[in-house]
PDB file of N, CA and C in Angstrom:
ATOM      1  N   MET A   1      56.507 -35.050 -20.285  1.00  0.00           N
ATOM      2  CA  MET A   1      56.828 -33.644 -20.400  1.00  0.00           C
ATOM      3  C   MET A   1      56.830 -33.056 -19.004  1.00  0.00           C
ATOM      4  N   ARG A   2      57.846 -32.322 -18.675  1.00  0.00           N
ATOM      5  CA  ARG A   2      57.909 -31.629 -17.392  1.00  0.00           C
ATOM      6  C   ARG A   2      57.565 -30.169 -17.618  1.00  0.00           C
ATOM      7  N   ILE A   3      56.810 -29.631 -16.730  1.00  0.00           N
ATOM      8  CA  ILE A   3      56.429 -28.226 -16.829  1.00  0.00           C
ATOM      9  C   ILE A   3      57.172 -27.476 -15.735  1.00  0.00           C
ATOM     10  N   ARG A   4      57.906 -26.459 -16.112  1.00  0.00           N
ATOM     11  CA  ARG A   4      58.671 -25.682 -15.134  1.00  0.00           C
ATOM     12  C   ARG A   4      58.073 -24.284 -15.023  1.00  0.00           C
ATOM     13  N   TYR A   5      58.081 -23.772 -13.828  1.00  0.00           N
ATOM     14  CA  TYR A   5      57.662 -22.396 -13.593  1.00  0.00           C
ATOM     15  C   TYR A   5      58.691 -21.780 -12.667  1.00  0.00           C
ATOM     16  N   ARG A   6      59.360 -20.770 -13.137  1.00  0.00           N
ATOM     17  CA  ARG A   6      60.419 -20.102 -12.379  1.00  0.00           C
ATOM     18  C   ARG A   6      61.458 -21.105 -11.893  1.00  0.00           C
ATOM     19  N   GLU A   7      61.845 -21.987 -12.805  1.00  0.00           N
ATOM     20  CA  GLU A   7      62.916 -22.944 -12.592  1.00  0.00           C
ATOM     21  C   GLU A   7      62.622 -24.006 -11.539  1.00  0.00           C
ATOM     22  N   GLU A   8      61.404 -24.135 -11.025  1.00  0.00           N
ATOM     23  CA  GLU A   8      61.099 -25.243 -10.142  1.00  0.00           C
ATOM     24  C   GLU A   8      60.164 -26.189 -10.869  1.00  0.00           C
ATOM     25  N   LEU A   9      60.323 -27.472 -10.594  1.00  0.00           N
ATOM     26  CA  LEU A   9      59.437 -28.459 -11.190  1.00  0.00           C
ATOM     27  C   LEU A   9      58.098 -28.350 -10.486  1.00  0.00           C
ATOM     28  N   MET A  10      57.054 -28.021 -11.216  1.00  0.00           N
ATOM     29  CA  MET A  10      55.750 -27.802 -10.615  1.00  0.00           C
ATOM     30  C   MET A  10      54.794 -28.957 -10.878  1.00  0.00           C
ATOM     31  N   ALA A  11      54.906 -29.582 -12.037  1.00  0.00           N
ATOM     32  CA  ALA A  11      53.932 -30.608 -12.390  1.00  0.00           C
ATOM     33  C   ALA A  11      54.461 -31.419 -13.558  1.00  0.00           C
ATOM     34  N   GLU A  12      53.821 -32.539 -13.784  1.00  0.00           N
ATOM     35  CA  GLU A  12      54.093 -33.343 -14.969  1.00  0.00           C
ATOM     36  C   GLU A  12      52.784 -33.533 -15.704  1.00  0.00           C
ATOM     37  N   ALA A  13      52.869 -33.676 -17.011  1.00  0.00           N
ATOM     38  CA  ALA A  13      51.673 -33.876 -17.824  1.00  0.00           C
ATOM     39  C   ALA A  13      51.949 -34.974 -18.833  1.00  0.00           C
ATOM     40  N   VAL A  14      50.906 -35.654 -19.254  1.00  0.00           N
ATOM     41  CA  VAL A  14      51.012 -36.708 -20.257  1.00  0.00           C
ATOM     42  C   VAL A  14      50.492 -36.158 -21.574  1.00  0.00           C
ATOM     43  N   VAL A  15      51.219 -36.409 -22.642  1.00  0.00           N
ATOM     44  CA  VAL A  15      50.790 -35.995 -23.974  1.00  0.00           C
ATOM     45  C   VAL A  15      49.842 -37.067 -24.490  1.00  0.00           C
ATOM     46  N   ASP A  16      48.632 -36.657 -24.938  1.00  0.00           N
ATOM     47  CA  ASP A  16      47.681 -37.657 -25.433  1.00  0.00           C
ATOM     48  C   ASP A  16      47.955 -37.992 -26.892  1.00  0.00           C
ATOM     49  N   ASP A  17      47.118 -38.861 -27.467  1.00  0.00           N
ATOM     50  CA  ASP A  17      47.344 -39.339 -28.837  1.00  0.00           C
ATOM     51  C   ASP A  17      47.216 -38.243 -29.884  1.00  0.00           C
ATOM     52  N   LYS A  18      46.629 -37.102 -29.531  1.00  0.00           N
ATOM     53  CA  LYS A  18      46.502 -35.985 -30.472  1.00  0.00           C
ATOM     54  C   LYS A  18      47.550 -34.902 -30.208  1.00  0.00           C
ATOM     55  N   GLY A  19      48.489 -35.172 -29.297  1.00  0.00           N
ATOM     56  CA  GLY A  19      49.550 -34.216 -29.009  1.00  0.00           C
ATOM     57  C   GLY A  19      49.171 -33.151 -28.004  1.00  0.00           C
ATOM     58  N   ARG A  20      48.044 -33.314 -27.338  1.00  0.00           N
ATOM     59  CA  ARG A  20      47.586 -32.308 -26.380  1.00  0.00           C
ATOM     60  C   ARG A  20      48.124 -32.608 -24.987  1.00  0.00           C
ATOM     61  N   ILE A  21      48.292 -31.553 -24.209  1.00  0.00           N
ATOM     62  CA  ILE A  21      48.641 -31.708 -22.802  1.00  0.00           C
ATOM     63  C   ILE A  21      47.649 -30.909 -21.976  1.00  0.00           C
ATOM     64  N   LEU A  22      47.470 -31.326 -20.741  1.00  0.00           N
ATOM     65  CA  LEU A  22      46.589 -30.611 -19.828  1.00  0.00           C
ATOM     66  C   LEU A  22      47.461 -29.925 -18.793  1.00  0.00           C
ATOM     67  N   ILE A  23      47.383 -28.614 -18.729  1.00  0.00           N
ATOM     68  CA  ILE A  23      48.133 -27.860 -17.727  1.00  0.00           C
ATOM     69  C   ILE A  23      47.308 -27.899 -16.442  1.00  0.00           C
ATOM     70  N   PRO A  24      47.873 -28.383 -15.345  1.00  0.00           N
ATOM     71  CA  PRO A  24      47.113 -28.479 -14.096  1.00  0.00           C
ATOM     72  C   PRO A  24      46.533 -27.128 -13.675  1.00  0.00           C
ATOM     73  N   ALA A  25      45.322 -27.173 -13.110  1.00  0.00           N
ATOM     74  CA  ALA A  25      44.597 -25.955 -12.742  1.00  0.00           C
ATOM     75  C   ALA A  25      45.390 -25.021 -11.830  1.00  0.00           C
ATOM     76  N   PRO A  26      46.070 -25.515 -10.784  1.00  0.00           N
ATOM     77  CA  PRO A  26      46.822 -24.572  -9.938  1.00  0.00           C
ATOM     78  C   PRO A  26      47.909 -23.829 -10.715  1.00  0.00           C
ATOM     79  N   LEU A  27      48.537 -24.516 -11.665  1.00  0.00           N
ATOM     80  CA  LEU A  27      49.576 -23.884 -12.471  1.00  0.00           C
ATOM     81  C   LEU A  27      48.975 -22.870 -13.443  1.00  0.00           C
ATOM     82  N   ARG A  28      47.807 -23.220 -14.038  1.00  0.00           N
ATOM     83  CA  ARG A  28      47.115 -22.259 -14.924  1.00  0.00           C
ATOM     84  C   ARG A  28      46.743 -21.003 -14.148  1.00  0.00           C
ATOM     85  N   LYS A  29      46.249 -21.198 -12.936  1.00  0.00           N
ATOM     86  CA  LYS A  29      45.844 -20.053 -12.118  1.00  0.00           C
ATOM     87  C   LYS A  29      47.061 -19.200 -11.760  1.00  0.00           C
ATOM     88  N   GLN A  30      48.145 -19.849 -11.359  1.00  0.00           N
ATOM     89  CA  GLN A  30      49.361 -19.133 -10.971  1.00  0.00           C
ATOM     90  C   GLN A  30      49.938 -18.341 -12.142  1.00  0.00           C
ATOM     91  N   CYS A  31      49.847 -18.904 -13.352  1.00  0.00           N
ATOM     92  CA  CYS A  31      50.391 -18.242 -14.546  1.00  0.00           C
ATOM     93  C   CYS A  31      49.355 -17.390 -15.262  1.00  0.00           C
ATOM     94  N   ARG A  32      48.131 -17.329 -14.715  1.00  0.00           N
ATOM     95  CA  ARG A  32      47.019 -16.560 -15.301  1.00  0.00           C
ATOM     96  C   ARG A  32      46.751 -16.968 -16.749  1.00  0.00           C
ATOM     97  N   ILE A  33      46.721 -18.283 -16.996  1.00  0.00           N
ATOM     98  CA  ILE A  33      46.386 -18.812 -18.318  1.00  0.00           C
ATOM     99  C   ILE A  33      44.906 -19.148 -18.300  1.00  0.00           C
ATOM    100  N   LYS A  34      44.158 -18.531 -19.206  1.00  0.00           N
ATOM    101  CA  LYS A  34      42.710 -18.736 -19.256  1.00  0.00           C
ATOM    102  C   LYS A  34      42.308 -19.447 -20.544  1.00  0.00           C
ATOM    103  N   GLU A  35      41.101 -20.002 -20.549  1.00  0.00           N
ATOM    104  CA  GLU A  35      40.578 -20.700 -21.726  1.00  0.00           C
ATOM    105  C   GLU A  35      40.585 -19.767 -22.932  1.00  0.00           C
ATOM    106  N   GLY A  36      41.065 -20.271 -24.065  1.00  0.00           N
ATOM    107  CA  GLY A  36      41.093 -19.502 -25.295  1.00  0.00           C
ATOM    108  C   GLY A  36      42.335 -18.641 -25.455  1.00  0.00           C
ATOM    109  N   MET A  37      43.161 -18.548 -24.411  1.00  0.00           N
ATOM    110  CA  MET A  37      44.372 -17.734 -24.480  1.00  0.00           C
ATOM    111  C   MET A  37      45.388 -18.410 -25.398  1.00  0.00           C
ATOM    112  N   VAL A  38      46.114 -17.616 -26.147  1.00  0.00           N
ATOM    113  CA  VAL A  38      47.147 -18.132 -27.046  1.00  0.00           C
ATOM    114  C   VAL A  38      48.453 -18.219 -26.265  1.00  0.00           C
ATOM    115  N   VAL A  39      49.164 -19.329 -26.449  1.00  0.00           N
ATOM    116  CA  VAL A  39      50.463 -19.508 -25.804  1.00  0.00           C
ATOM    117  C   VAL A  39      51.514 -19.747 -26.876  1.00  0.00           C
ATOM    118  N   SER A  40      52.757 -19.430 -26.549  1.00  0.00           N
ATOM    119  CA  SER A  40      53.848 -19.681 -27.491  1.00  0.00           C
ATOM    120  C   SER A  40      54.736 -20.781 -26.920  1.00  0.00           C
ATOM    121  N   PHE A  41      55.416 -21.486 -27.812  1.00  0.00           N
ATOM    122  CA  PHE A  41      56.352 -22.532 -27.421  1.00  0.00           C
ATOM    123  C   PHE A  41      57.726 -22.151 -27.937  1.00  0.00           C
ATOM    124  N   GLU A  42      58.731 -22.298 -27.083  1.00  0.00           N
ATOM    125  CA  GLU A  42      60.116 -22.043 -27.474  1.00  0.00           C
ATOM    126  C   GLU A  42      60.951 -23.248 -27.078  1.00  0.00           C
ATOM    127  N   ARG A  43      61.986 -23.521 -27.858  1.00  0.00           N
ATOM    128  CA  ARG A  43      62.966 -24.530 -27.470  1.00  0.00           C
ATOM    129  C   ARG A  43      64.218 -23.797 -27.038  1.00  0.00           C
ATOM    130  N   LYS A  44      64.695 -24.116 -25.832  1.00  0.00           N
ATOM    131  CA  LYS A  44      65.895 -23.458 -25.322  1.00  0.00           C
ATOM    132  C   LYS A  44      66.696 -24.476 -24.516  1.00  0.00           C
ATOM    133  N   ASP A  45      67.905 -24.736 -24.957  1.00  0.00           N
ATOM    134  CA  ASP A  45      68.801 -25.673 -24.267  1.00  0.00           C
ATOM    135  C   ASP A  45      68.134 -27.020 -24.010  1.00  0.00           C
ATOM    136  N   GLY A  46      67.399 -27.522 -24.982  1.00  0.00           N
ATOM    137  CA  GLY A  46      66.759 -28.827 -24.850  1.00  0.00           C
ATOM    138  C   GLY A  46      65.448 -28.817 -24.086  1.00  0.00           C
ATOM    139  N   ASP A  47      65.030 -27.671 -23.569  1.00  0.00           N
ATOM    140  CA  ASP A  47      63.761 -27.568 -22.847  1.00  0.00           C
ATOM    141  C   ASP A  47      62.703 -26.956 -23.753  1.00  0.00           C
ATOM    142  N   LEU A  48      61.466 -27.292 -23.486  1.00  0.00           N
ATOM    143  CA  LEU A  48      60.332 -26.691 -24.179  1.00  0.00           C
ATOM    144  C   LEU A  48      59.723 -25.682 -23.218  1.00  0.00           C
ATOM    145  N   ILE A  49      59.673 -24.432 -23.636  1.00  0.00           N
ATOM    146  CA  ILE A  49      59.164 -23.358 -22.781  1.00  0.00           C
ATOM    147  C   ILE A  49      57.822 -22.894 -23.325  1.00  0.00           C
ATOM    148  N   LEU A  50      56.822 -22.903 -22.470  1.00  0.00           N
ATOM    149  CA  LEU A  50      55.478 -22.458 -22.832  1.00  0.00           C
ATOM    150  C   LEU A  50      55.268 -21.095 -22.181  1.00  0.00           C
ATOM    151  N   LYS A  51      54.862 -20.108 -22.984  1.00  0.00           N
ATOM    152  CA  LYS A  51      54.632 -18.758 -22.460  1.00  0.00           C
ATOM    153  C   LYS A  51      53.264 -18.269 -22.906  1.00  0.00           C
ATOM    154  N   PRO A  52      52.463 -17.740 -21.973  1.00  0.00           N
ATOM    155  CA  PRO A  52      51.197 -17.130 -22.380  1.00  0.00           C
ATOM    156  C   PRO A  52      51.471 -15.835 -23.122  1.00  0.00           C
ATOM    157  N   LEU A  53      50.783 -15.630 -24.241  1.00  0.00           N
ATOM    158  CA  LEU A  53      50.929 -14.382 -24.995  1.00  0.00           C
ATOM    159  C   LEU A  53      49.866 -13.416 -24.499  1.00  0.00           C
ATOM    160  N   ARG A  54      50.304 -12.308 -24.002  1.00  0.00           N
ATOM    161  CA  ARG A  54      49.380 -11.307 -23.489  1.00  0.00           C
ATOM    162  C   ARG A  54      49.329 -10.138 -24.462  1.00  0.00           C
ATOM    163  N   LYS A  55      48.166  -9.541 -24.541  1.00  0.00           N
ATOM    164  CA  LYS A  55      48.022  -8.381 -25.415  1.00  0.00           C
ATOM    165  C   LYS A  55      48.841  -7.233 -24.845  1.00  0.00           C
ATOM    166  N   LYS A  56      49.524  -6.545 -25.726  1.00  0.00           N
ATOM    167  CA  LYS A  56      50.315  -5.391 -25.305  1.00  0.00           C
ATOM    168  C   LYS A  56      49.362  -4.253 -24.973  1.00  0.00           C
ATOM    169  N   ARG A  57      49.565  -3.683 -23.824  1.00  0.00           N
ATOM    170  CA  ARG A  57      48.735  -2.540 -23.443  1.00  0.00           C
ATOM    171  C   ARG A  57      49.197  -1.303 -24.191  1.00  0.00           C
ATOM    172  N   THR A  58      48.251  -0.480 -24.568  1.00  0.00           N
ATOM    173  CA  THR A  58      48.570   0.769 -25.254  1.00  0.00           C
ATOM    174  C   THR A  58      48.898   1.813 -24.201  1.00  0.00           C
ATOM    175  N   SER A  59      50.048   2.406 -24.320  1.00  0.00           N
ATOM    176  CA  SER A  59      50.465   3.405 -23.330  1.00  0.00           C
ATOM    177  C   SER A  59      49.793   4.744 -23.623  1.00  0.00           C
ATOM    178  N   LEU A  60      49.753   5.581 -22.614  1.00  0.00           N
ATOM    179  CA  LEU A  60      49.190   6.924 -22.800  1.00  0.00           C
ATOM    180  C   LEU A  60      50.002   7.706 -23.815  1.00  0.00           C
ATOM    181  N   ARG A  61      51.299   7.463 -23.829  1.00  0.00           N
ATOM    182  CA  ARG A  61      52.160   8.155 -24.792  1.00  0.00           C
ATOM    183  C   ARG A  61      51.749   7.781 -26.221  1.00  0.00           C
ATOM    184  N   GLU A  62      51.399   6.490 -26.444  1.00  0.00           N
ATOM    185  CA  GLU A  62      50.975   6.066 -27.782  1.00  0.00           C
ATOM    186  C   GLU A  62      49.618   6.650 -28.148  1.00  0.00           C
ATOM    187  N   LEU A  63      48.765   6.856 -27.132  1.00  0.00           N
ATOM    188  CA  LEU A  63      47.433   7.404 -27.398  1.00  0.00           C
ATOM    189  C   LEU A  63      47.453   8.909 -27.625  1.00  0.00           C
ATOM    190  N   ARG A  64      48.506   9.561 -27.159  1.00  0.00           N
ATOM    191  CA  ARG A  64      48.593  11.011 -27.317  1.00  0.00           C
ATOM    192  C   ARG A  64      48.570  11.358 -28.806  1.00  0.00           C
ATOM    193  N   GLY A  65      47.799  12.309 -29.163  1.00  0.00           N
ATOM    194  CA  GLY A  65      47.714  12.709 -30.560  1.00  0.00           C
ATOM    195  C   GLY A  65      46.561  12.054 -31.305  1.00  0.00           C
ATOM    196  N   ILE A  66      45.882  11.108 -30.656  1.00  0.00           N
ATOM    197  CA  ILE A  66      44.725  10.479 -31.300  1.00  0.00           C
ATOM    198  C   ILE A  66      43.486  11.257 -30.870  1.00  0.00           C
ATOM    199  N   HIS A  67      42.857  11.894 -31.812  1.00  0.00           N
ATOM    200  CA  HIS A  67      41.667  12.685 -31.529  1.00  0.00           C
ATOM    201  C   HIS A  67      40.587  12.295 -32.532  1.00  0.00           C
ATOM    202  N   PRO A  68      39.328  12.241 -32.091  1.00  0.00           N
ATOM    203  CA  PRO A  68      38.266  11.978 -33.055  1.00  0.00           C
ATOM    204  C   PRO A  68      38.145  13.137 -34.035  1.00  0.00           C
ATOM    205  N   LYS A  69      37.838  12.822 -35.272  1.00  0.00           N
ATOM    206  CA  LYS A  69      37.682  13.879 -36.275  1.00  0.00           C
ATOM    207  C   LYS A  69      36.288  14.474 -36.157  1.00  0.00           C
ATOM    208  N   ARG A  70      36.246  15.760 -36.052  1.00  0.00           N
ATOM    209  CA  ARG A  70      34.976  16.471 -35.964  1.00  0.00           C
ATOM    210  C   ARG A  70      34.622  16.979 -37.356  1.00  0.00           C
ATOM    211  N   THR A  71      33.375  16.769 -37.741  1.00  0.00           N
ATOM    212  CA  THR A  71      32.947  17.202 -39.072  1.00  0.00           C
ATOM    213  C   THR A  71      31.859  18.266 -38.989  1.00  0.00           C
ATOM    214  N   GLY A  72      31.761  18.912 -37.849  1.00  0.00           N
ATOM    215  CA  GLY A  72      30.739  19.938 -37.703  1.00  0.00           C
ATOM    216  C   GLY A  72      29.663  19.484 -36.731  1.00  0.00           C
ATOM    217  N   GLU A  73      28.459  19.962 -36.935  1.00  0.00           N
ATOM    218  CA  GLU A  73      27.346  19.625 -36.060  1.00  0.00           C
ATOM    219  C   GLU A  73      26.960  18.158 -36.221  1.00  0.00           C
ATOM    220  N   PRO A  74      26.560  17.510 -35.121  1.00  0.00           N
ATOM    221  CA  PRO A  74      26.129  16.112 -35.241  1.00  0.00           C
ATOM    222  C   PRO A  74      24.826  16.012 -36.016  1.00  0.00           C
ATOM    223  N   ARG A  75      24.668  14.933 -36.764  1.00  0.00           N
ATOM    224  CA  ARG A  75      23.436  14.701 -37.515  1.00  0.00           C
ATOM    225  C   ARG A  75      22.525  13.860 -36.641  1.00  0.00           C
ATOM    226  N   TRP A  76      21.378  14.410 -36.307  1.00  0.00           N
ATOM    227  CA  TRP A  76      20.433  13.704 -35.458  1.00  0.00           C
ATOM    228  C   TRP A  76      19.563  12.793 -36.301  1.00  0.00           C
ATOM    229  N   ALA A  77      19.179  11.666 -35.732  1.00  0.00           N
ATOM    230  CA  ALA A  77      18.310  10.727 -36.445  1.00  0.00           C
ATOM    231  C   ALA A  77      16.918  11.327 -36.596  1.00  0.00           C
ATOM    232  N   THR A  78      16.285  11.027 -37.724  1.00  0.00           N
ATOM    233  CA  THR A  78      14.913  11.491 -37.960  1.00  0.00           C
ATOM    234  C   THR A  78      13.956  10.584 -37.192  1.00  0.00           C
ATOM    235  N   PRO A  79      12.730  11.046 -36.933  1.00  0.00           N
ATOM    236  CA  PRO A  79      11.753  10.185 -36.253  1.00  0.00           C
ATOM    237  C   PRO A  79      11.529   8.863 -36.995  1.00  0.00           C
ATOM    238  N   GLU A  80      11.581   8.901 -38.333  1.00  0.00           N
ATOM    239  CA  GLU A  80      11.391   7.668 -39.111  1.00  0.00           C
ATOM    240  C   GLU A  80      12.541   6.682 -38.860  1.00  0.00           C
ATOM    241  N   GLU A  81      13.766   7.192 -38.785  1.00  0.00           N
ATOM    242  CA  GLU A  81      14.923   6.323 -38.522  1.00  0.00           C
ATOM    243  C   GLU A  81      14.831   5.708 -37.126  1.00  0.00           C
ATOM    244  N   ILE A  82      14.416   6.498 -36.161  1.00  0.00           N
ATOM    245  CA  ILE A  82      14.267   5.986 -34.795  1.00  0.00           C
ATOM    246  C   ILE A  82      13.175   4.929 -34.748  1.00  0.00           C
ATOM    247  N   LYS A  83      12.048   5.192 -35.439  1.00  0.00           N
ATOM    248  CA  LYS A  83      10.937   4.239 -35.454  1.00  0.00           C
ATOM    249  C   LYS A  83      11.367   2.929 -36.103  1.00  0.00           C
ATOM    250  N   SER A  84      12.179   2.996 -37.173  1.00  0.00           N
ATOM    251  CA  SER A  84      12.599   1.770 -37.865  1.00  0.00           C
ATOM    252  C   SER A  84      13.496   0.909 -36.973  1.00  0.00           C
ATOM    253  N   ILE A  85      14.203   1.530 -36.056  1.00  0.00           N
ATOM    254  CA  ILE A  85      15.050   0.767 -35.129  1.00  0.00           C
ATOM    255  C   ILE A  85      14.189  -0.081 -34.207  1.00  0.00           C
ATOM    256  N   TRP A  86      13.056   0.460 -33.778  1.00  0.00           N
ATOM    257  CA  TRP A  86      12.213  -0.219 -32.799  1.00  0.00           C
ATOM    258  C   TRP A  86      11.218  -1.180 -33.426  1.00  0.00           C
ATOM    259  N   GLU A  87      11.149  -1.226 -34.737  1.00  0.00           N
ATOM    260  CA  GLU A  87      10.194  -2.139 -35.392  1.00  0.00           C
ATOM    261  C   GLU A  87      10.791  -3.494 -35.599  1.00  0.00           C
TER     262      GLU A  87
END
């Protein structure tokens, strides 16, 4: 399997008996792929393309209009409730 990054050949990897490949550390660092990150695979023109899936950032425009609901005065914990937390 050849691994390409921005159309240059960067590294080669061997597929093990369980179908796993090891992405070389310099390439992981360059592509900001971290342990536990989900990646997607695409087939395009006979090539296998691996892409890291990044969480979509929430824009300020999307956050506009989100306000916490106020229900009046806050309810303070009683001394008994506070004591039960520390026991």
